[in-house]
Amino acid sequence: MIVYKNVSLMYSVNTGIKNFNLEIKDNEKVAIIGPNGSGKTTLLKITLGFSKYYKGEVLIKEVSNKDNKFNLNNIGYVSSENIFPSFSKVKTIVNLYKKLKNDENNKLDYISKLLKINLKEKKYFKSLSTGMIQKVKLCLALSYDNDYYIFDEPTNGLDAIIREKTLNYIYENLKQKTIIYCTHLIEEITTFFDRLIIIKDNTIKLDVEINEKTNVKNIFYEVYGEEIND
């Protein structure tokens, strides 16, 4: 379970997250949607312990992410940002990650073929396109069996075919996992997810269950209609 208790971290009047309260049960899949700058990335960085100076509390498996016992071993993460040093080689980063995970049953070969990327490349990250860097991030996150998966705009920069392959893999293979999926693309939110969270004004505006009758676009318009039609 992931628990947020009165979580706040505001960088300016309109940037960050505030008064965020949420419980995500084990094996629950939660989609979080909001426009760029609404606080999604800030929330995920707080969740992973990358931002320590927030107010409130975040618990994962009843352990605070500020506690020395907290680690990321069972979390697969896809960042919306380029997290790799520009002068590092793809092969070097992949090998380092393999050593850290120490899991011989990984799916690196399968996922890399699925996403059409050579992880044995000796190219530097600075020479890769946004889409290719995104593929590397997806391979590292999806190739290992984790309890939790946290996605921040995971299809950013992907072409249409690879995007569909990525989404299909997630929908088909991560059904029994706990997932936080942040996006600004309404069409990516399907009945695969259990709940929809809409962020507005840097906090939760709406928290609804998703089922066959859920019209995500209409719900989004209910919250952001005035801004869209302005």
Protein backbone atom coordinates (compact mmCIF):
# COMPACT_ATOMS: atom_id res chain seq x y z
CA MET A 1 0.00 0.00 0.00
CA ILE A 2 1.09 3.57 -0.71
CA VAL A 3 -0.23 6.23 1.66
CA TYR A 4 0.03 10.00 1.31
CA LYS A 5 -0.80 12.08 4.38
CA ASN A 6 -1.15 15.85 3.90
CA VAL A 7 1.74 15.95 1.44
CA SER A 8 2.83 19.41 0.29
CA LEU A 9 5.82 20.77 -1.60
CA MET A 10 5.26 24.08 -3.36
CA TYR A 11 8.11 25.69 -5.30
CA SER A 12 6.04 28.79 -6.08
CA VAL A 13 2.42 29.90 -5.85
CA ASN A 14 1.41 27.72 -8.82
CA THR A 15 4.14 25.06 -8.95
CA GLY A 16 4.25 21.89 -6.85
CA ILE A 17 1.75 19.81 -4.88
CA LYS A 18 -0.26 20.64 -1.77
CA ASN A 19 -2.61 18.99 0.74
CA PHE A 20 -2.35 15.66 -1.07
CA ASN A 21 -4.10 12.78 0.72
CA LEU A 22 -4.46 9.38 -0.92
CA GLU A 23 -4.33 5.65 -0.21
CA ILE A 24 -3.41 3.22 -2.97
CA LYS A 25 -4.06 -0.41 -2.11
CA ASP A 26 -1.81 -3.31 -3.11
CA ASN A 27 -2.42 -4.34 -6.75
CA GLU A 28 -4.45 -1.19 -7.36
CA LYS A 29 -3.78 0.70 -10.57
CA VAL A 30 -4.25 4.46 -10.36
CA ALA A 31 -4.13 6.88 -13.28
CA ILE A 32 -3.31 10.48 -12.48
CA ILE A 33 -4.09 13.11 -15.07
CA GLY A 34 -3.48 16.81 -15.20
CA PRO A 35 -1.91 19.39 -17.52
CA ASN A 36 1.81 20.09 -17.60
CA GLY A 37 2.87 21.88 -14.44
CA SER A 38 -0.03 20.59 -12.34
CA GLY A 39 2.27 18.78 -9.89
CA LYS A 40 2.35 15.20 -11.21
CA THR A 41 6.12 14.94 -11.50
CA THR A 42 6.64 16.63 -8.14
CA LEU A 43 4.33 14.06 -6.56
CA LEU A 44 6.26 11.14 -8.04
CA LYS A 45 9.63 12.54 -7.00
CA ILE A 46 8.29 12.87 -3.47
CA THR A 47 6.95 9.29 -3.63
CA LEU A 48 10.34 7.90 -4.60
CA GLY A 49 12.18 9.86 -1.94
CA PHE A 50 13.96 12.13 -4.41
CA SER A 51 12.49 15.23 -2.76
CA LYS A 52 13.03 15.05 1.00
CA TYR A 53 11.94 18.52 2.03
CA TYR A 54 8.19 18.10 1.72
CA LYS A 55 5.61 18.46 4.44
CA GLY A 56 3.47 15.48 5.42
CA GLU A 57 4.21 11.79 5.11
CA VAL A 58 4.53 9.11 2.42
CA LEU A 59 4.42 5.45 3.40
CA ILE A 60 5.16 2.49 1.13
CA LYS A 61 4.54 -0.88 2.75
CA GLU A 62 4.19 1.04 6.02
CA VAL A 63 7.73 2.42 5.73
CA SER A 64 8.27 6.18 5.45
CA ASN A 65 10.29 7.21 2.42
CA LYS A 66 12.32 9.38 4.81
CA ASP A 67 13.30 6.31 6.84
CA ASN A 68 16.74 4.72 6.45
CA LYS A 69 14.97 1.39 5.80
CA PHE A 70 13.30 2.75 2.68
CA ASN A 71 14.70 1.56 -0.66
CA LEU A 72 13.68 1.36 -4.30
CA ASN A 73 14.44 -2.31 -4.89
CA ASN A 74 10.83 -3.26 -5.63
CA ILE A 75 9.91 -0.18 -7.65
CA GLY A 76 10.09 0.13 -11.43
CA TYR A 77 10.22 3.80 -12.43
CA VAL A 78 9.96 5.61 -15.74
CA SER A 79 10.80 9.29 -15.44
CA SER A 80 9.48 12.03 -17.71
CA GLU A 81 12.95 13.57 -17.62
CA ASN A 82 16.28 12.46 -19.03
CA ILE A 83 17.88 10.91 -15.94
CA PHE A 84 21.02 9.58 -17.66
CA PRO A 85 24.36 11.44 -17.76
CA SER A 86 24.88 12.67 -21.32
CA PHE A 87 28.41 11.23 -21.56
CA SER A 88 27.39 7.78 -20.32
CA LYS A 89 26.99 4.91 -22.75
CA VAL A 90 23.79 2.87 -23.03
CA LYS A 91 25.67 -0.38 -22.44
CA THR A 92 27.35 1.01 -19.31
CA ILE A 93 24.09 2.12 -17.69
CA VAL A 94 22.31 -1.15 -18.53
CA ASN A 95 25.14 -3.24 -17.05
CA LEU A 96 25.19 -1.09 -13.92
CA TYR A 97 21.44 -1.54 -13.50
CA LYS A 98 21.78 -5.31 -13.96
CA LYS A 99 24.32 -5.43 -11.14
CA LEU A 100 22.09 -3.37 -8.86
CA LYS A 101 19.01 -5.54 -9.50
CA ASN A 102 20.97 -8.82 -9.48
CA ASP A 103 18.14 -10.73 -11.16
CA GLU A 104 19.14 -13.29 -13.77
CA ASN A 105 15.49 -13.83 -14.68
CA ASN A 106 15.15 -10.37 -16.15
CA LYS A 107 13.39 -9.71 -19.46
CA LEU A 108 15.92 -7.28 -20.92
CA ASP A 109 16.33 -9.23 -24.15
CA TYR A 110 12.58 -9.61 -24.64
CA ILE A 111 11.66 -6.00 -23.83
CA SER A 112 14.50 -4.54 -25.90
CA LYS A 113 13.34 -6.57 -28.92
CA LEU A 114 9.75 -5.53 -28.29
CA LEU A 115 10.71 -1.85 -28.23
CA LYS A 116 13.27 -2.24 -31.03
CA ILE A 117 16.36 -0.98 -29.23
CA ASN A 118 19.87 -2.40 -28.90
CA LEU A 119 20.87 -2.20 -25.24
CA LYS A 120 24.42 -3.24 -26.10
CA GLU A 121 24.92 0.04 -27.91
CA LYS A 122 28.16 1.87 -27.20
CA LYS A 123 26.52 5.15 -28.12
CA TYR A 124 26.49 8.02 -25.65
CA PHE A 125 23.13 9.20 -24.36
CA LYS A 126 23.84 12.68 -25.70
CA SER A 127 23.58 11.25 -29.23
CA LEU A 128 20.20 9.57 -28.69
CA SER A 129 16.80 10.98 -29.55
CA THR A 130 14.11 11.55 -26.93
CA GLY A 131 12.31 8.42 -28.11
CA MET A 132 15.42 6.23 -27.86
CA ILE A 133 16.18 7.47 -24.34
CA GLN A 134 12.59 6.72 -23.40
CA LYS A 135 12.99 3.18 -24.68
CA VAL A 136 16.02 2.65 -22.44
CA LYS A 137 14.04 3.88 -19.41
CA LEU A 138 11.16 1.57 -20.26
CA CYS A 139 13.47 -1.43 -20.71
CA LEU A 140 15.04 -0.90 -17.29
CA ALA A 141 11.66 -0.50 -15.59
CA LEU A 142 9.73 -3.28 -17.32
CA SER A 143 12.42 -5.95 -17.51
CA TYR A 144 12.41 -6.67 -13.78
CA ASP A 145 9.66 -8.06 -11.58
CA ASN A 146 8.70 -5.31 -9.12
CA ASP A 147 5.84 -4.88 -6.66
CA TYR A 148 5.31 -1.26 -7.69
CA TYR A 149 5.53 0.54 -11.02
CA ILE A 150 5.56 4.32 -11.24
CA PHE A 151 5.18 5.86 -14.68
CA ASP A 152 5.58 9.55 -15.47
CA GLU A 153 4.52 10.22 -19.07
CA PRO A 154 6.01 6.84 -20.14
CA THR A 155 5.08 7.13 -23.84
CA ASN A 156 6.70 10.54 -24.29
CA GLY A 157 8.68 10.63 -27.54
CA LEU A 158 7.63 7.18 -28.74
CA ASP A 159 6.31 6.61 -32.25
CA ALA A 160 2.75 5.32 -32.63
CA ILE A 161 3.71 1.65 -33.05
CA ILE A 162 6.10 1.48 -30.09
CA ARG A 163 3.63 3.45 -27.98
CA GLU A 164 0.93 0.85 -28.62
CA LYS A 165 3.33 -2.01 -27.94
CA THR A 166 4.35 -0.41 -24.64
CA LEU A 167 0.78 0.17 -23.50
CA ASN A 168 -0.29 -3.33 -24.52
CA TYR A 169 2.59 -4.83 -22.55
CA ILE A 170 1.66 -2.85 -19.46
CA TYR A 171 -2.04 -3.69 -19.78
CA GLU A 172 -1.38 -7.42 -20.30
CA ASN A 173 1.54 -8.08 -17.93
CA LEU A 174 1.14 -5.76 -14.95
CA LYS A 175 -2.44 -6.56 -13.95
CA GLN A 176 -1.43 -7.83 -10.52
CA LYS A 177 0.91 -4.94 -9.71
CA THR A 178 0.48 -1.66 -7.87
CA ILE A 179 0.74 1.13 -10.43
CA ILE A 180 0.79 4.91 -10.43
CA TYR A 181 0.48 6.15 -14.01
CA CYS A 182 0.78 9.89 -14.64
CA THR A 183 -0.15 11.25 -18.03
CA HIS A 184 -1.75 14.19 -19.80
CA LEU A 185 -3.07 11.92 -22.58
CA ILE A 186 -6.70 11.07 -21.90
CA GLU A 187 -6.75 8.22 -24.43
CA GLU A 188 -4.19 6.26 -22.39
CA ILE A 189 -6.59 5.88 -19.47
CA THR A 190 -8.58 2.69 -19.98
CA THR A 191 -10.48 0.19 -17.83
CA PHE A 192 -7.10 -1.39 -17.04
CA PHE A 193 -6.97 1.21 -14.28
CA ASP A 194 -9.06 1.03 -11.12
CA ARG A 195 -9.14 4.71 -10.26
CA LEU A 196 -8.73 8.09 -11.88
CA ILE A 197 -7.23 11.04 -10.02
CA ILE A 198 -7.51 14.49 -11.58
CA ILE A 199 -5.14 17.14 -10.27
CA LYS A 200 -6.05 20.81 -10.44
CA ASP A 201 -4.62 23.76 -8.58
CA ASN A 202 -1.82 21.46 -7.36
CA THR A 203 -4.05 19.07 -5.43
CA ILE A 204 -6.65 16.33 -5.93
CA LYS A 205 -9.76 17.75 -7.54
CA LEU A 206 -11.49 14.45 -8.30
CA ASP A 207 -11.00 10.79 -7.31
CA VAL A 208 -13.30 8.33 -9.13
CA GLU A 209 -13.46 4.61 -9.82
CA ILE A 210 -13.03 3.52 -13.42
CA ASN A 211 -15.37 1.01 -15.06
CA GLU A 212 -16.84 0.28 -18.49
CA LYS A 213 -19.18 3.27 -18.22
CA THR A 214 -16.50 5.78 -17.25
CA ASN A 215 -16.03 8.55 -19.81
CA VAL A 216 -12.64 9.97 -18.92
CA LYS A 217 -12.87 12.79 -21.45
CA ASN A 218 -16.19 14.02 -20.04
CA ILE A 219 -14.87 13.83 -16.48
CA PHE A 220 -11.78 15.80 -17.49
CA TYR A 221 -13.99 18.44 -19.14
CA GLU A 222 -16.04 18.73 -15.96
CA VAL A 223 -12.89 19.78 -14.14
CA TYR A 224 -11.06 21.73 -16.84
CA GLY A 225 -13.91 22.81 -19.12
CA GLU A 226 -13.64 26.52 -18.38
CA GLU A 227 -9.92 26.59 -19.16
CA ILE A 228 -10.41 24.55 -22.36
CA ASN A 229 -13.20 26.82 -23.64
CA ASP A 230 -11.58 30.07 -22.53
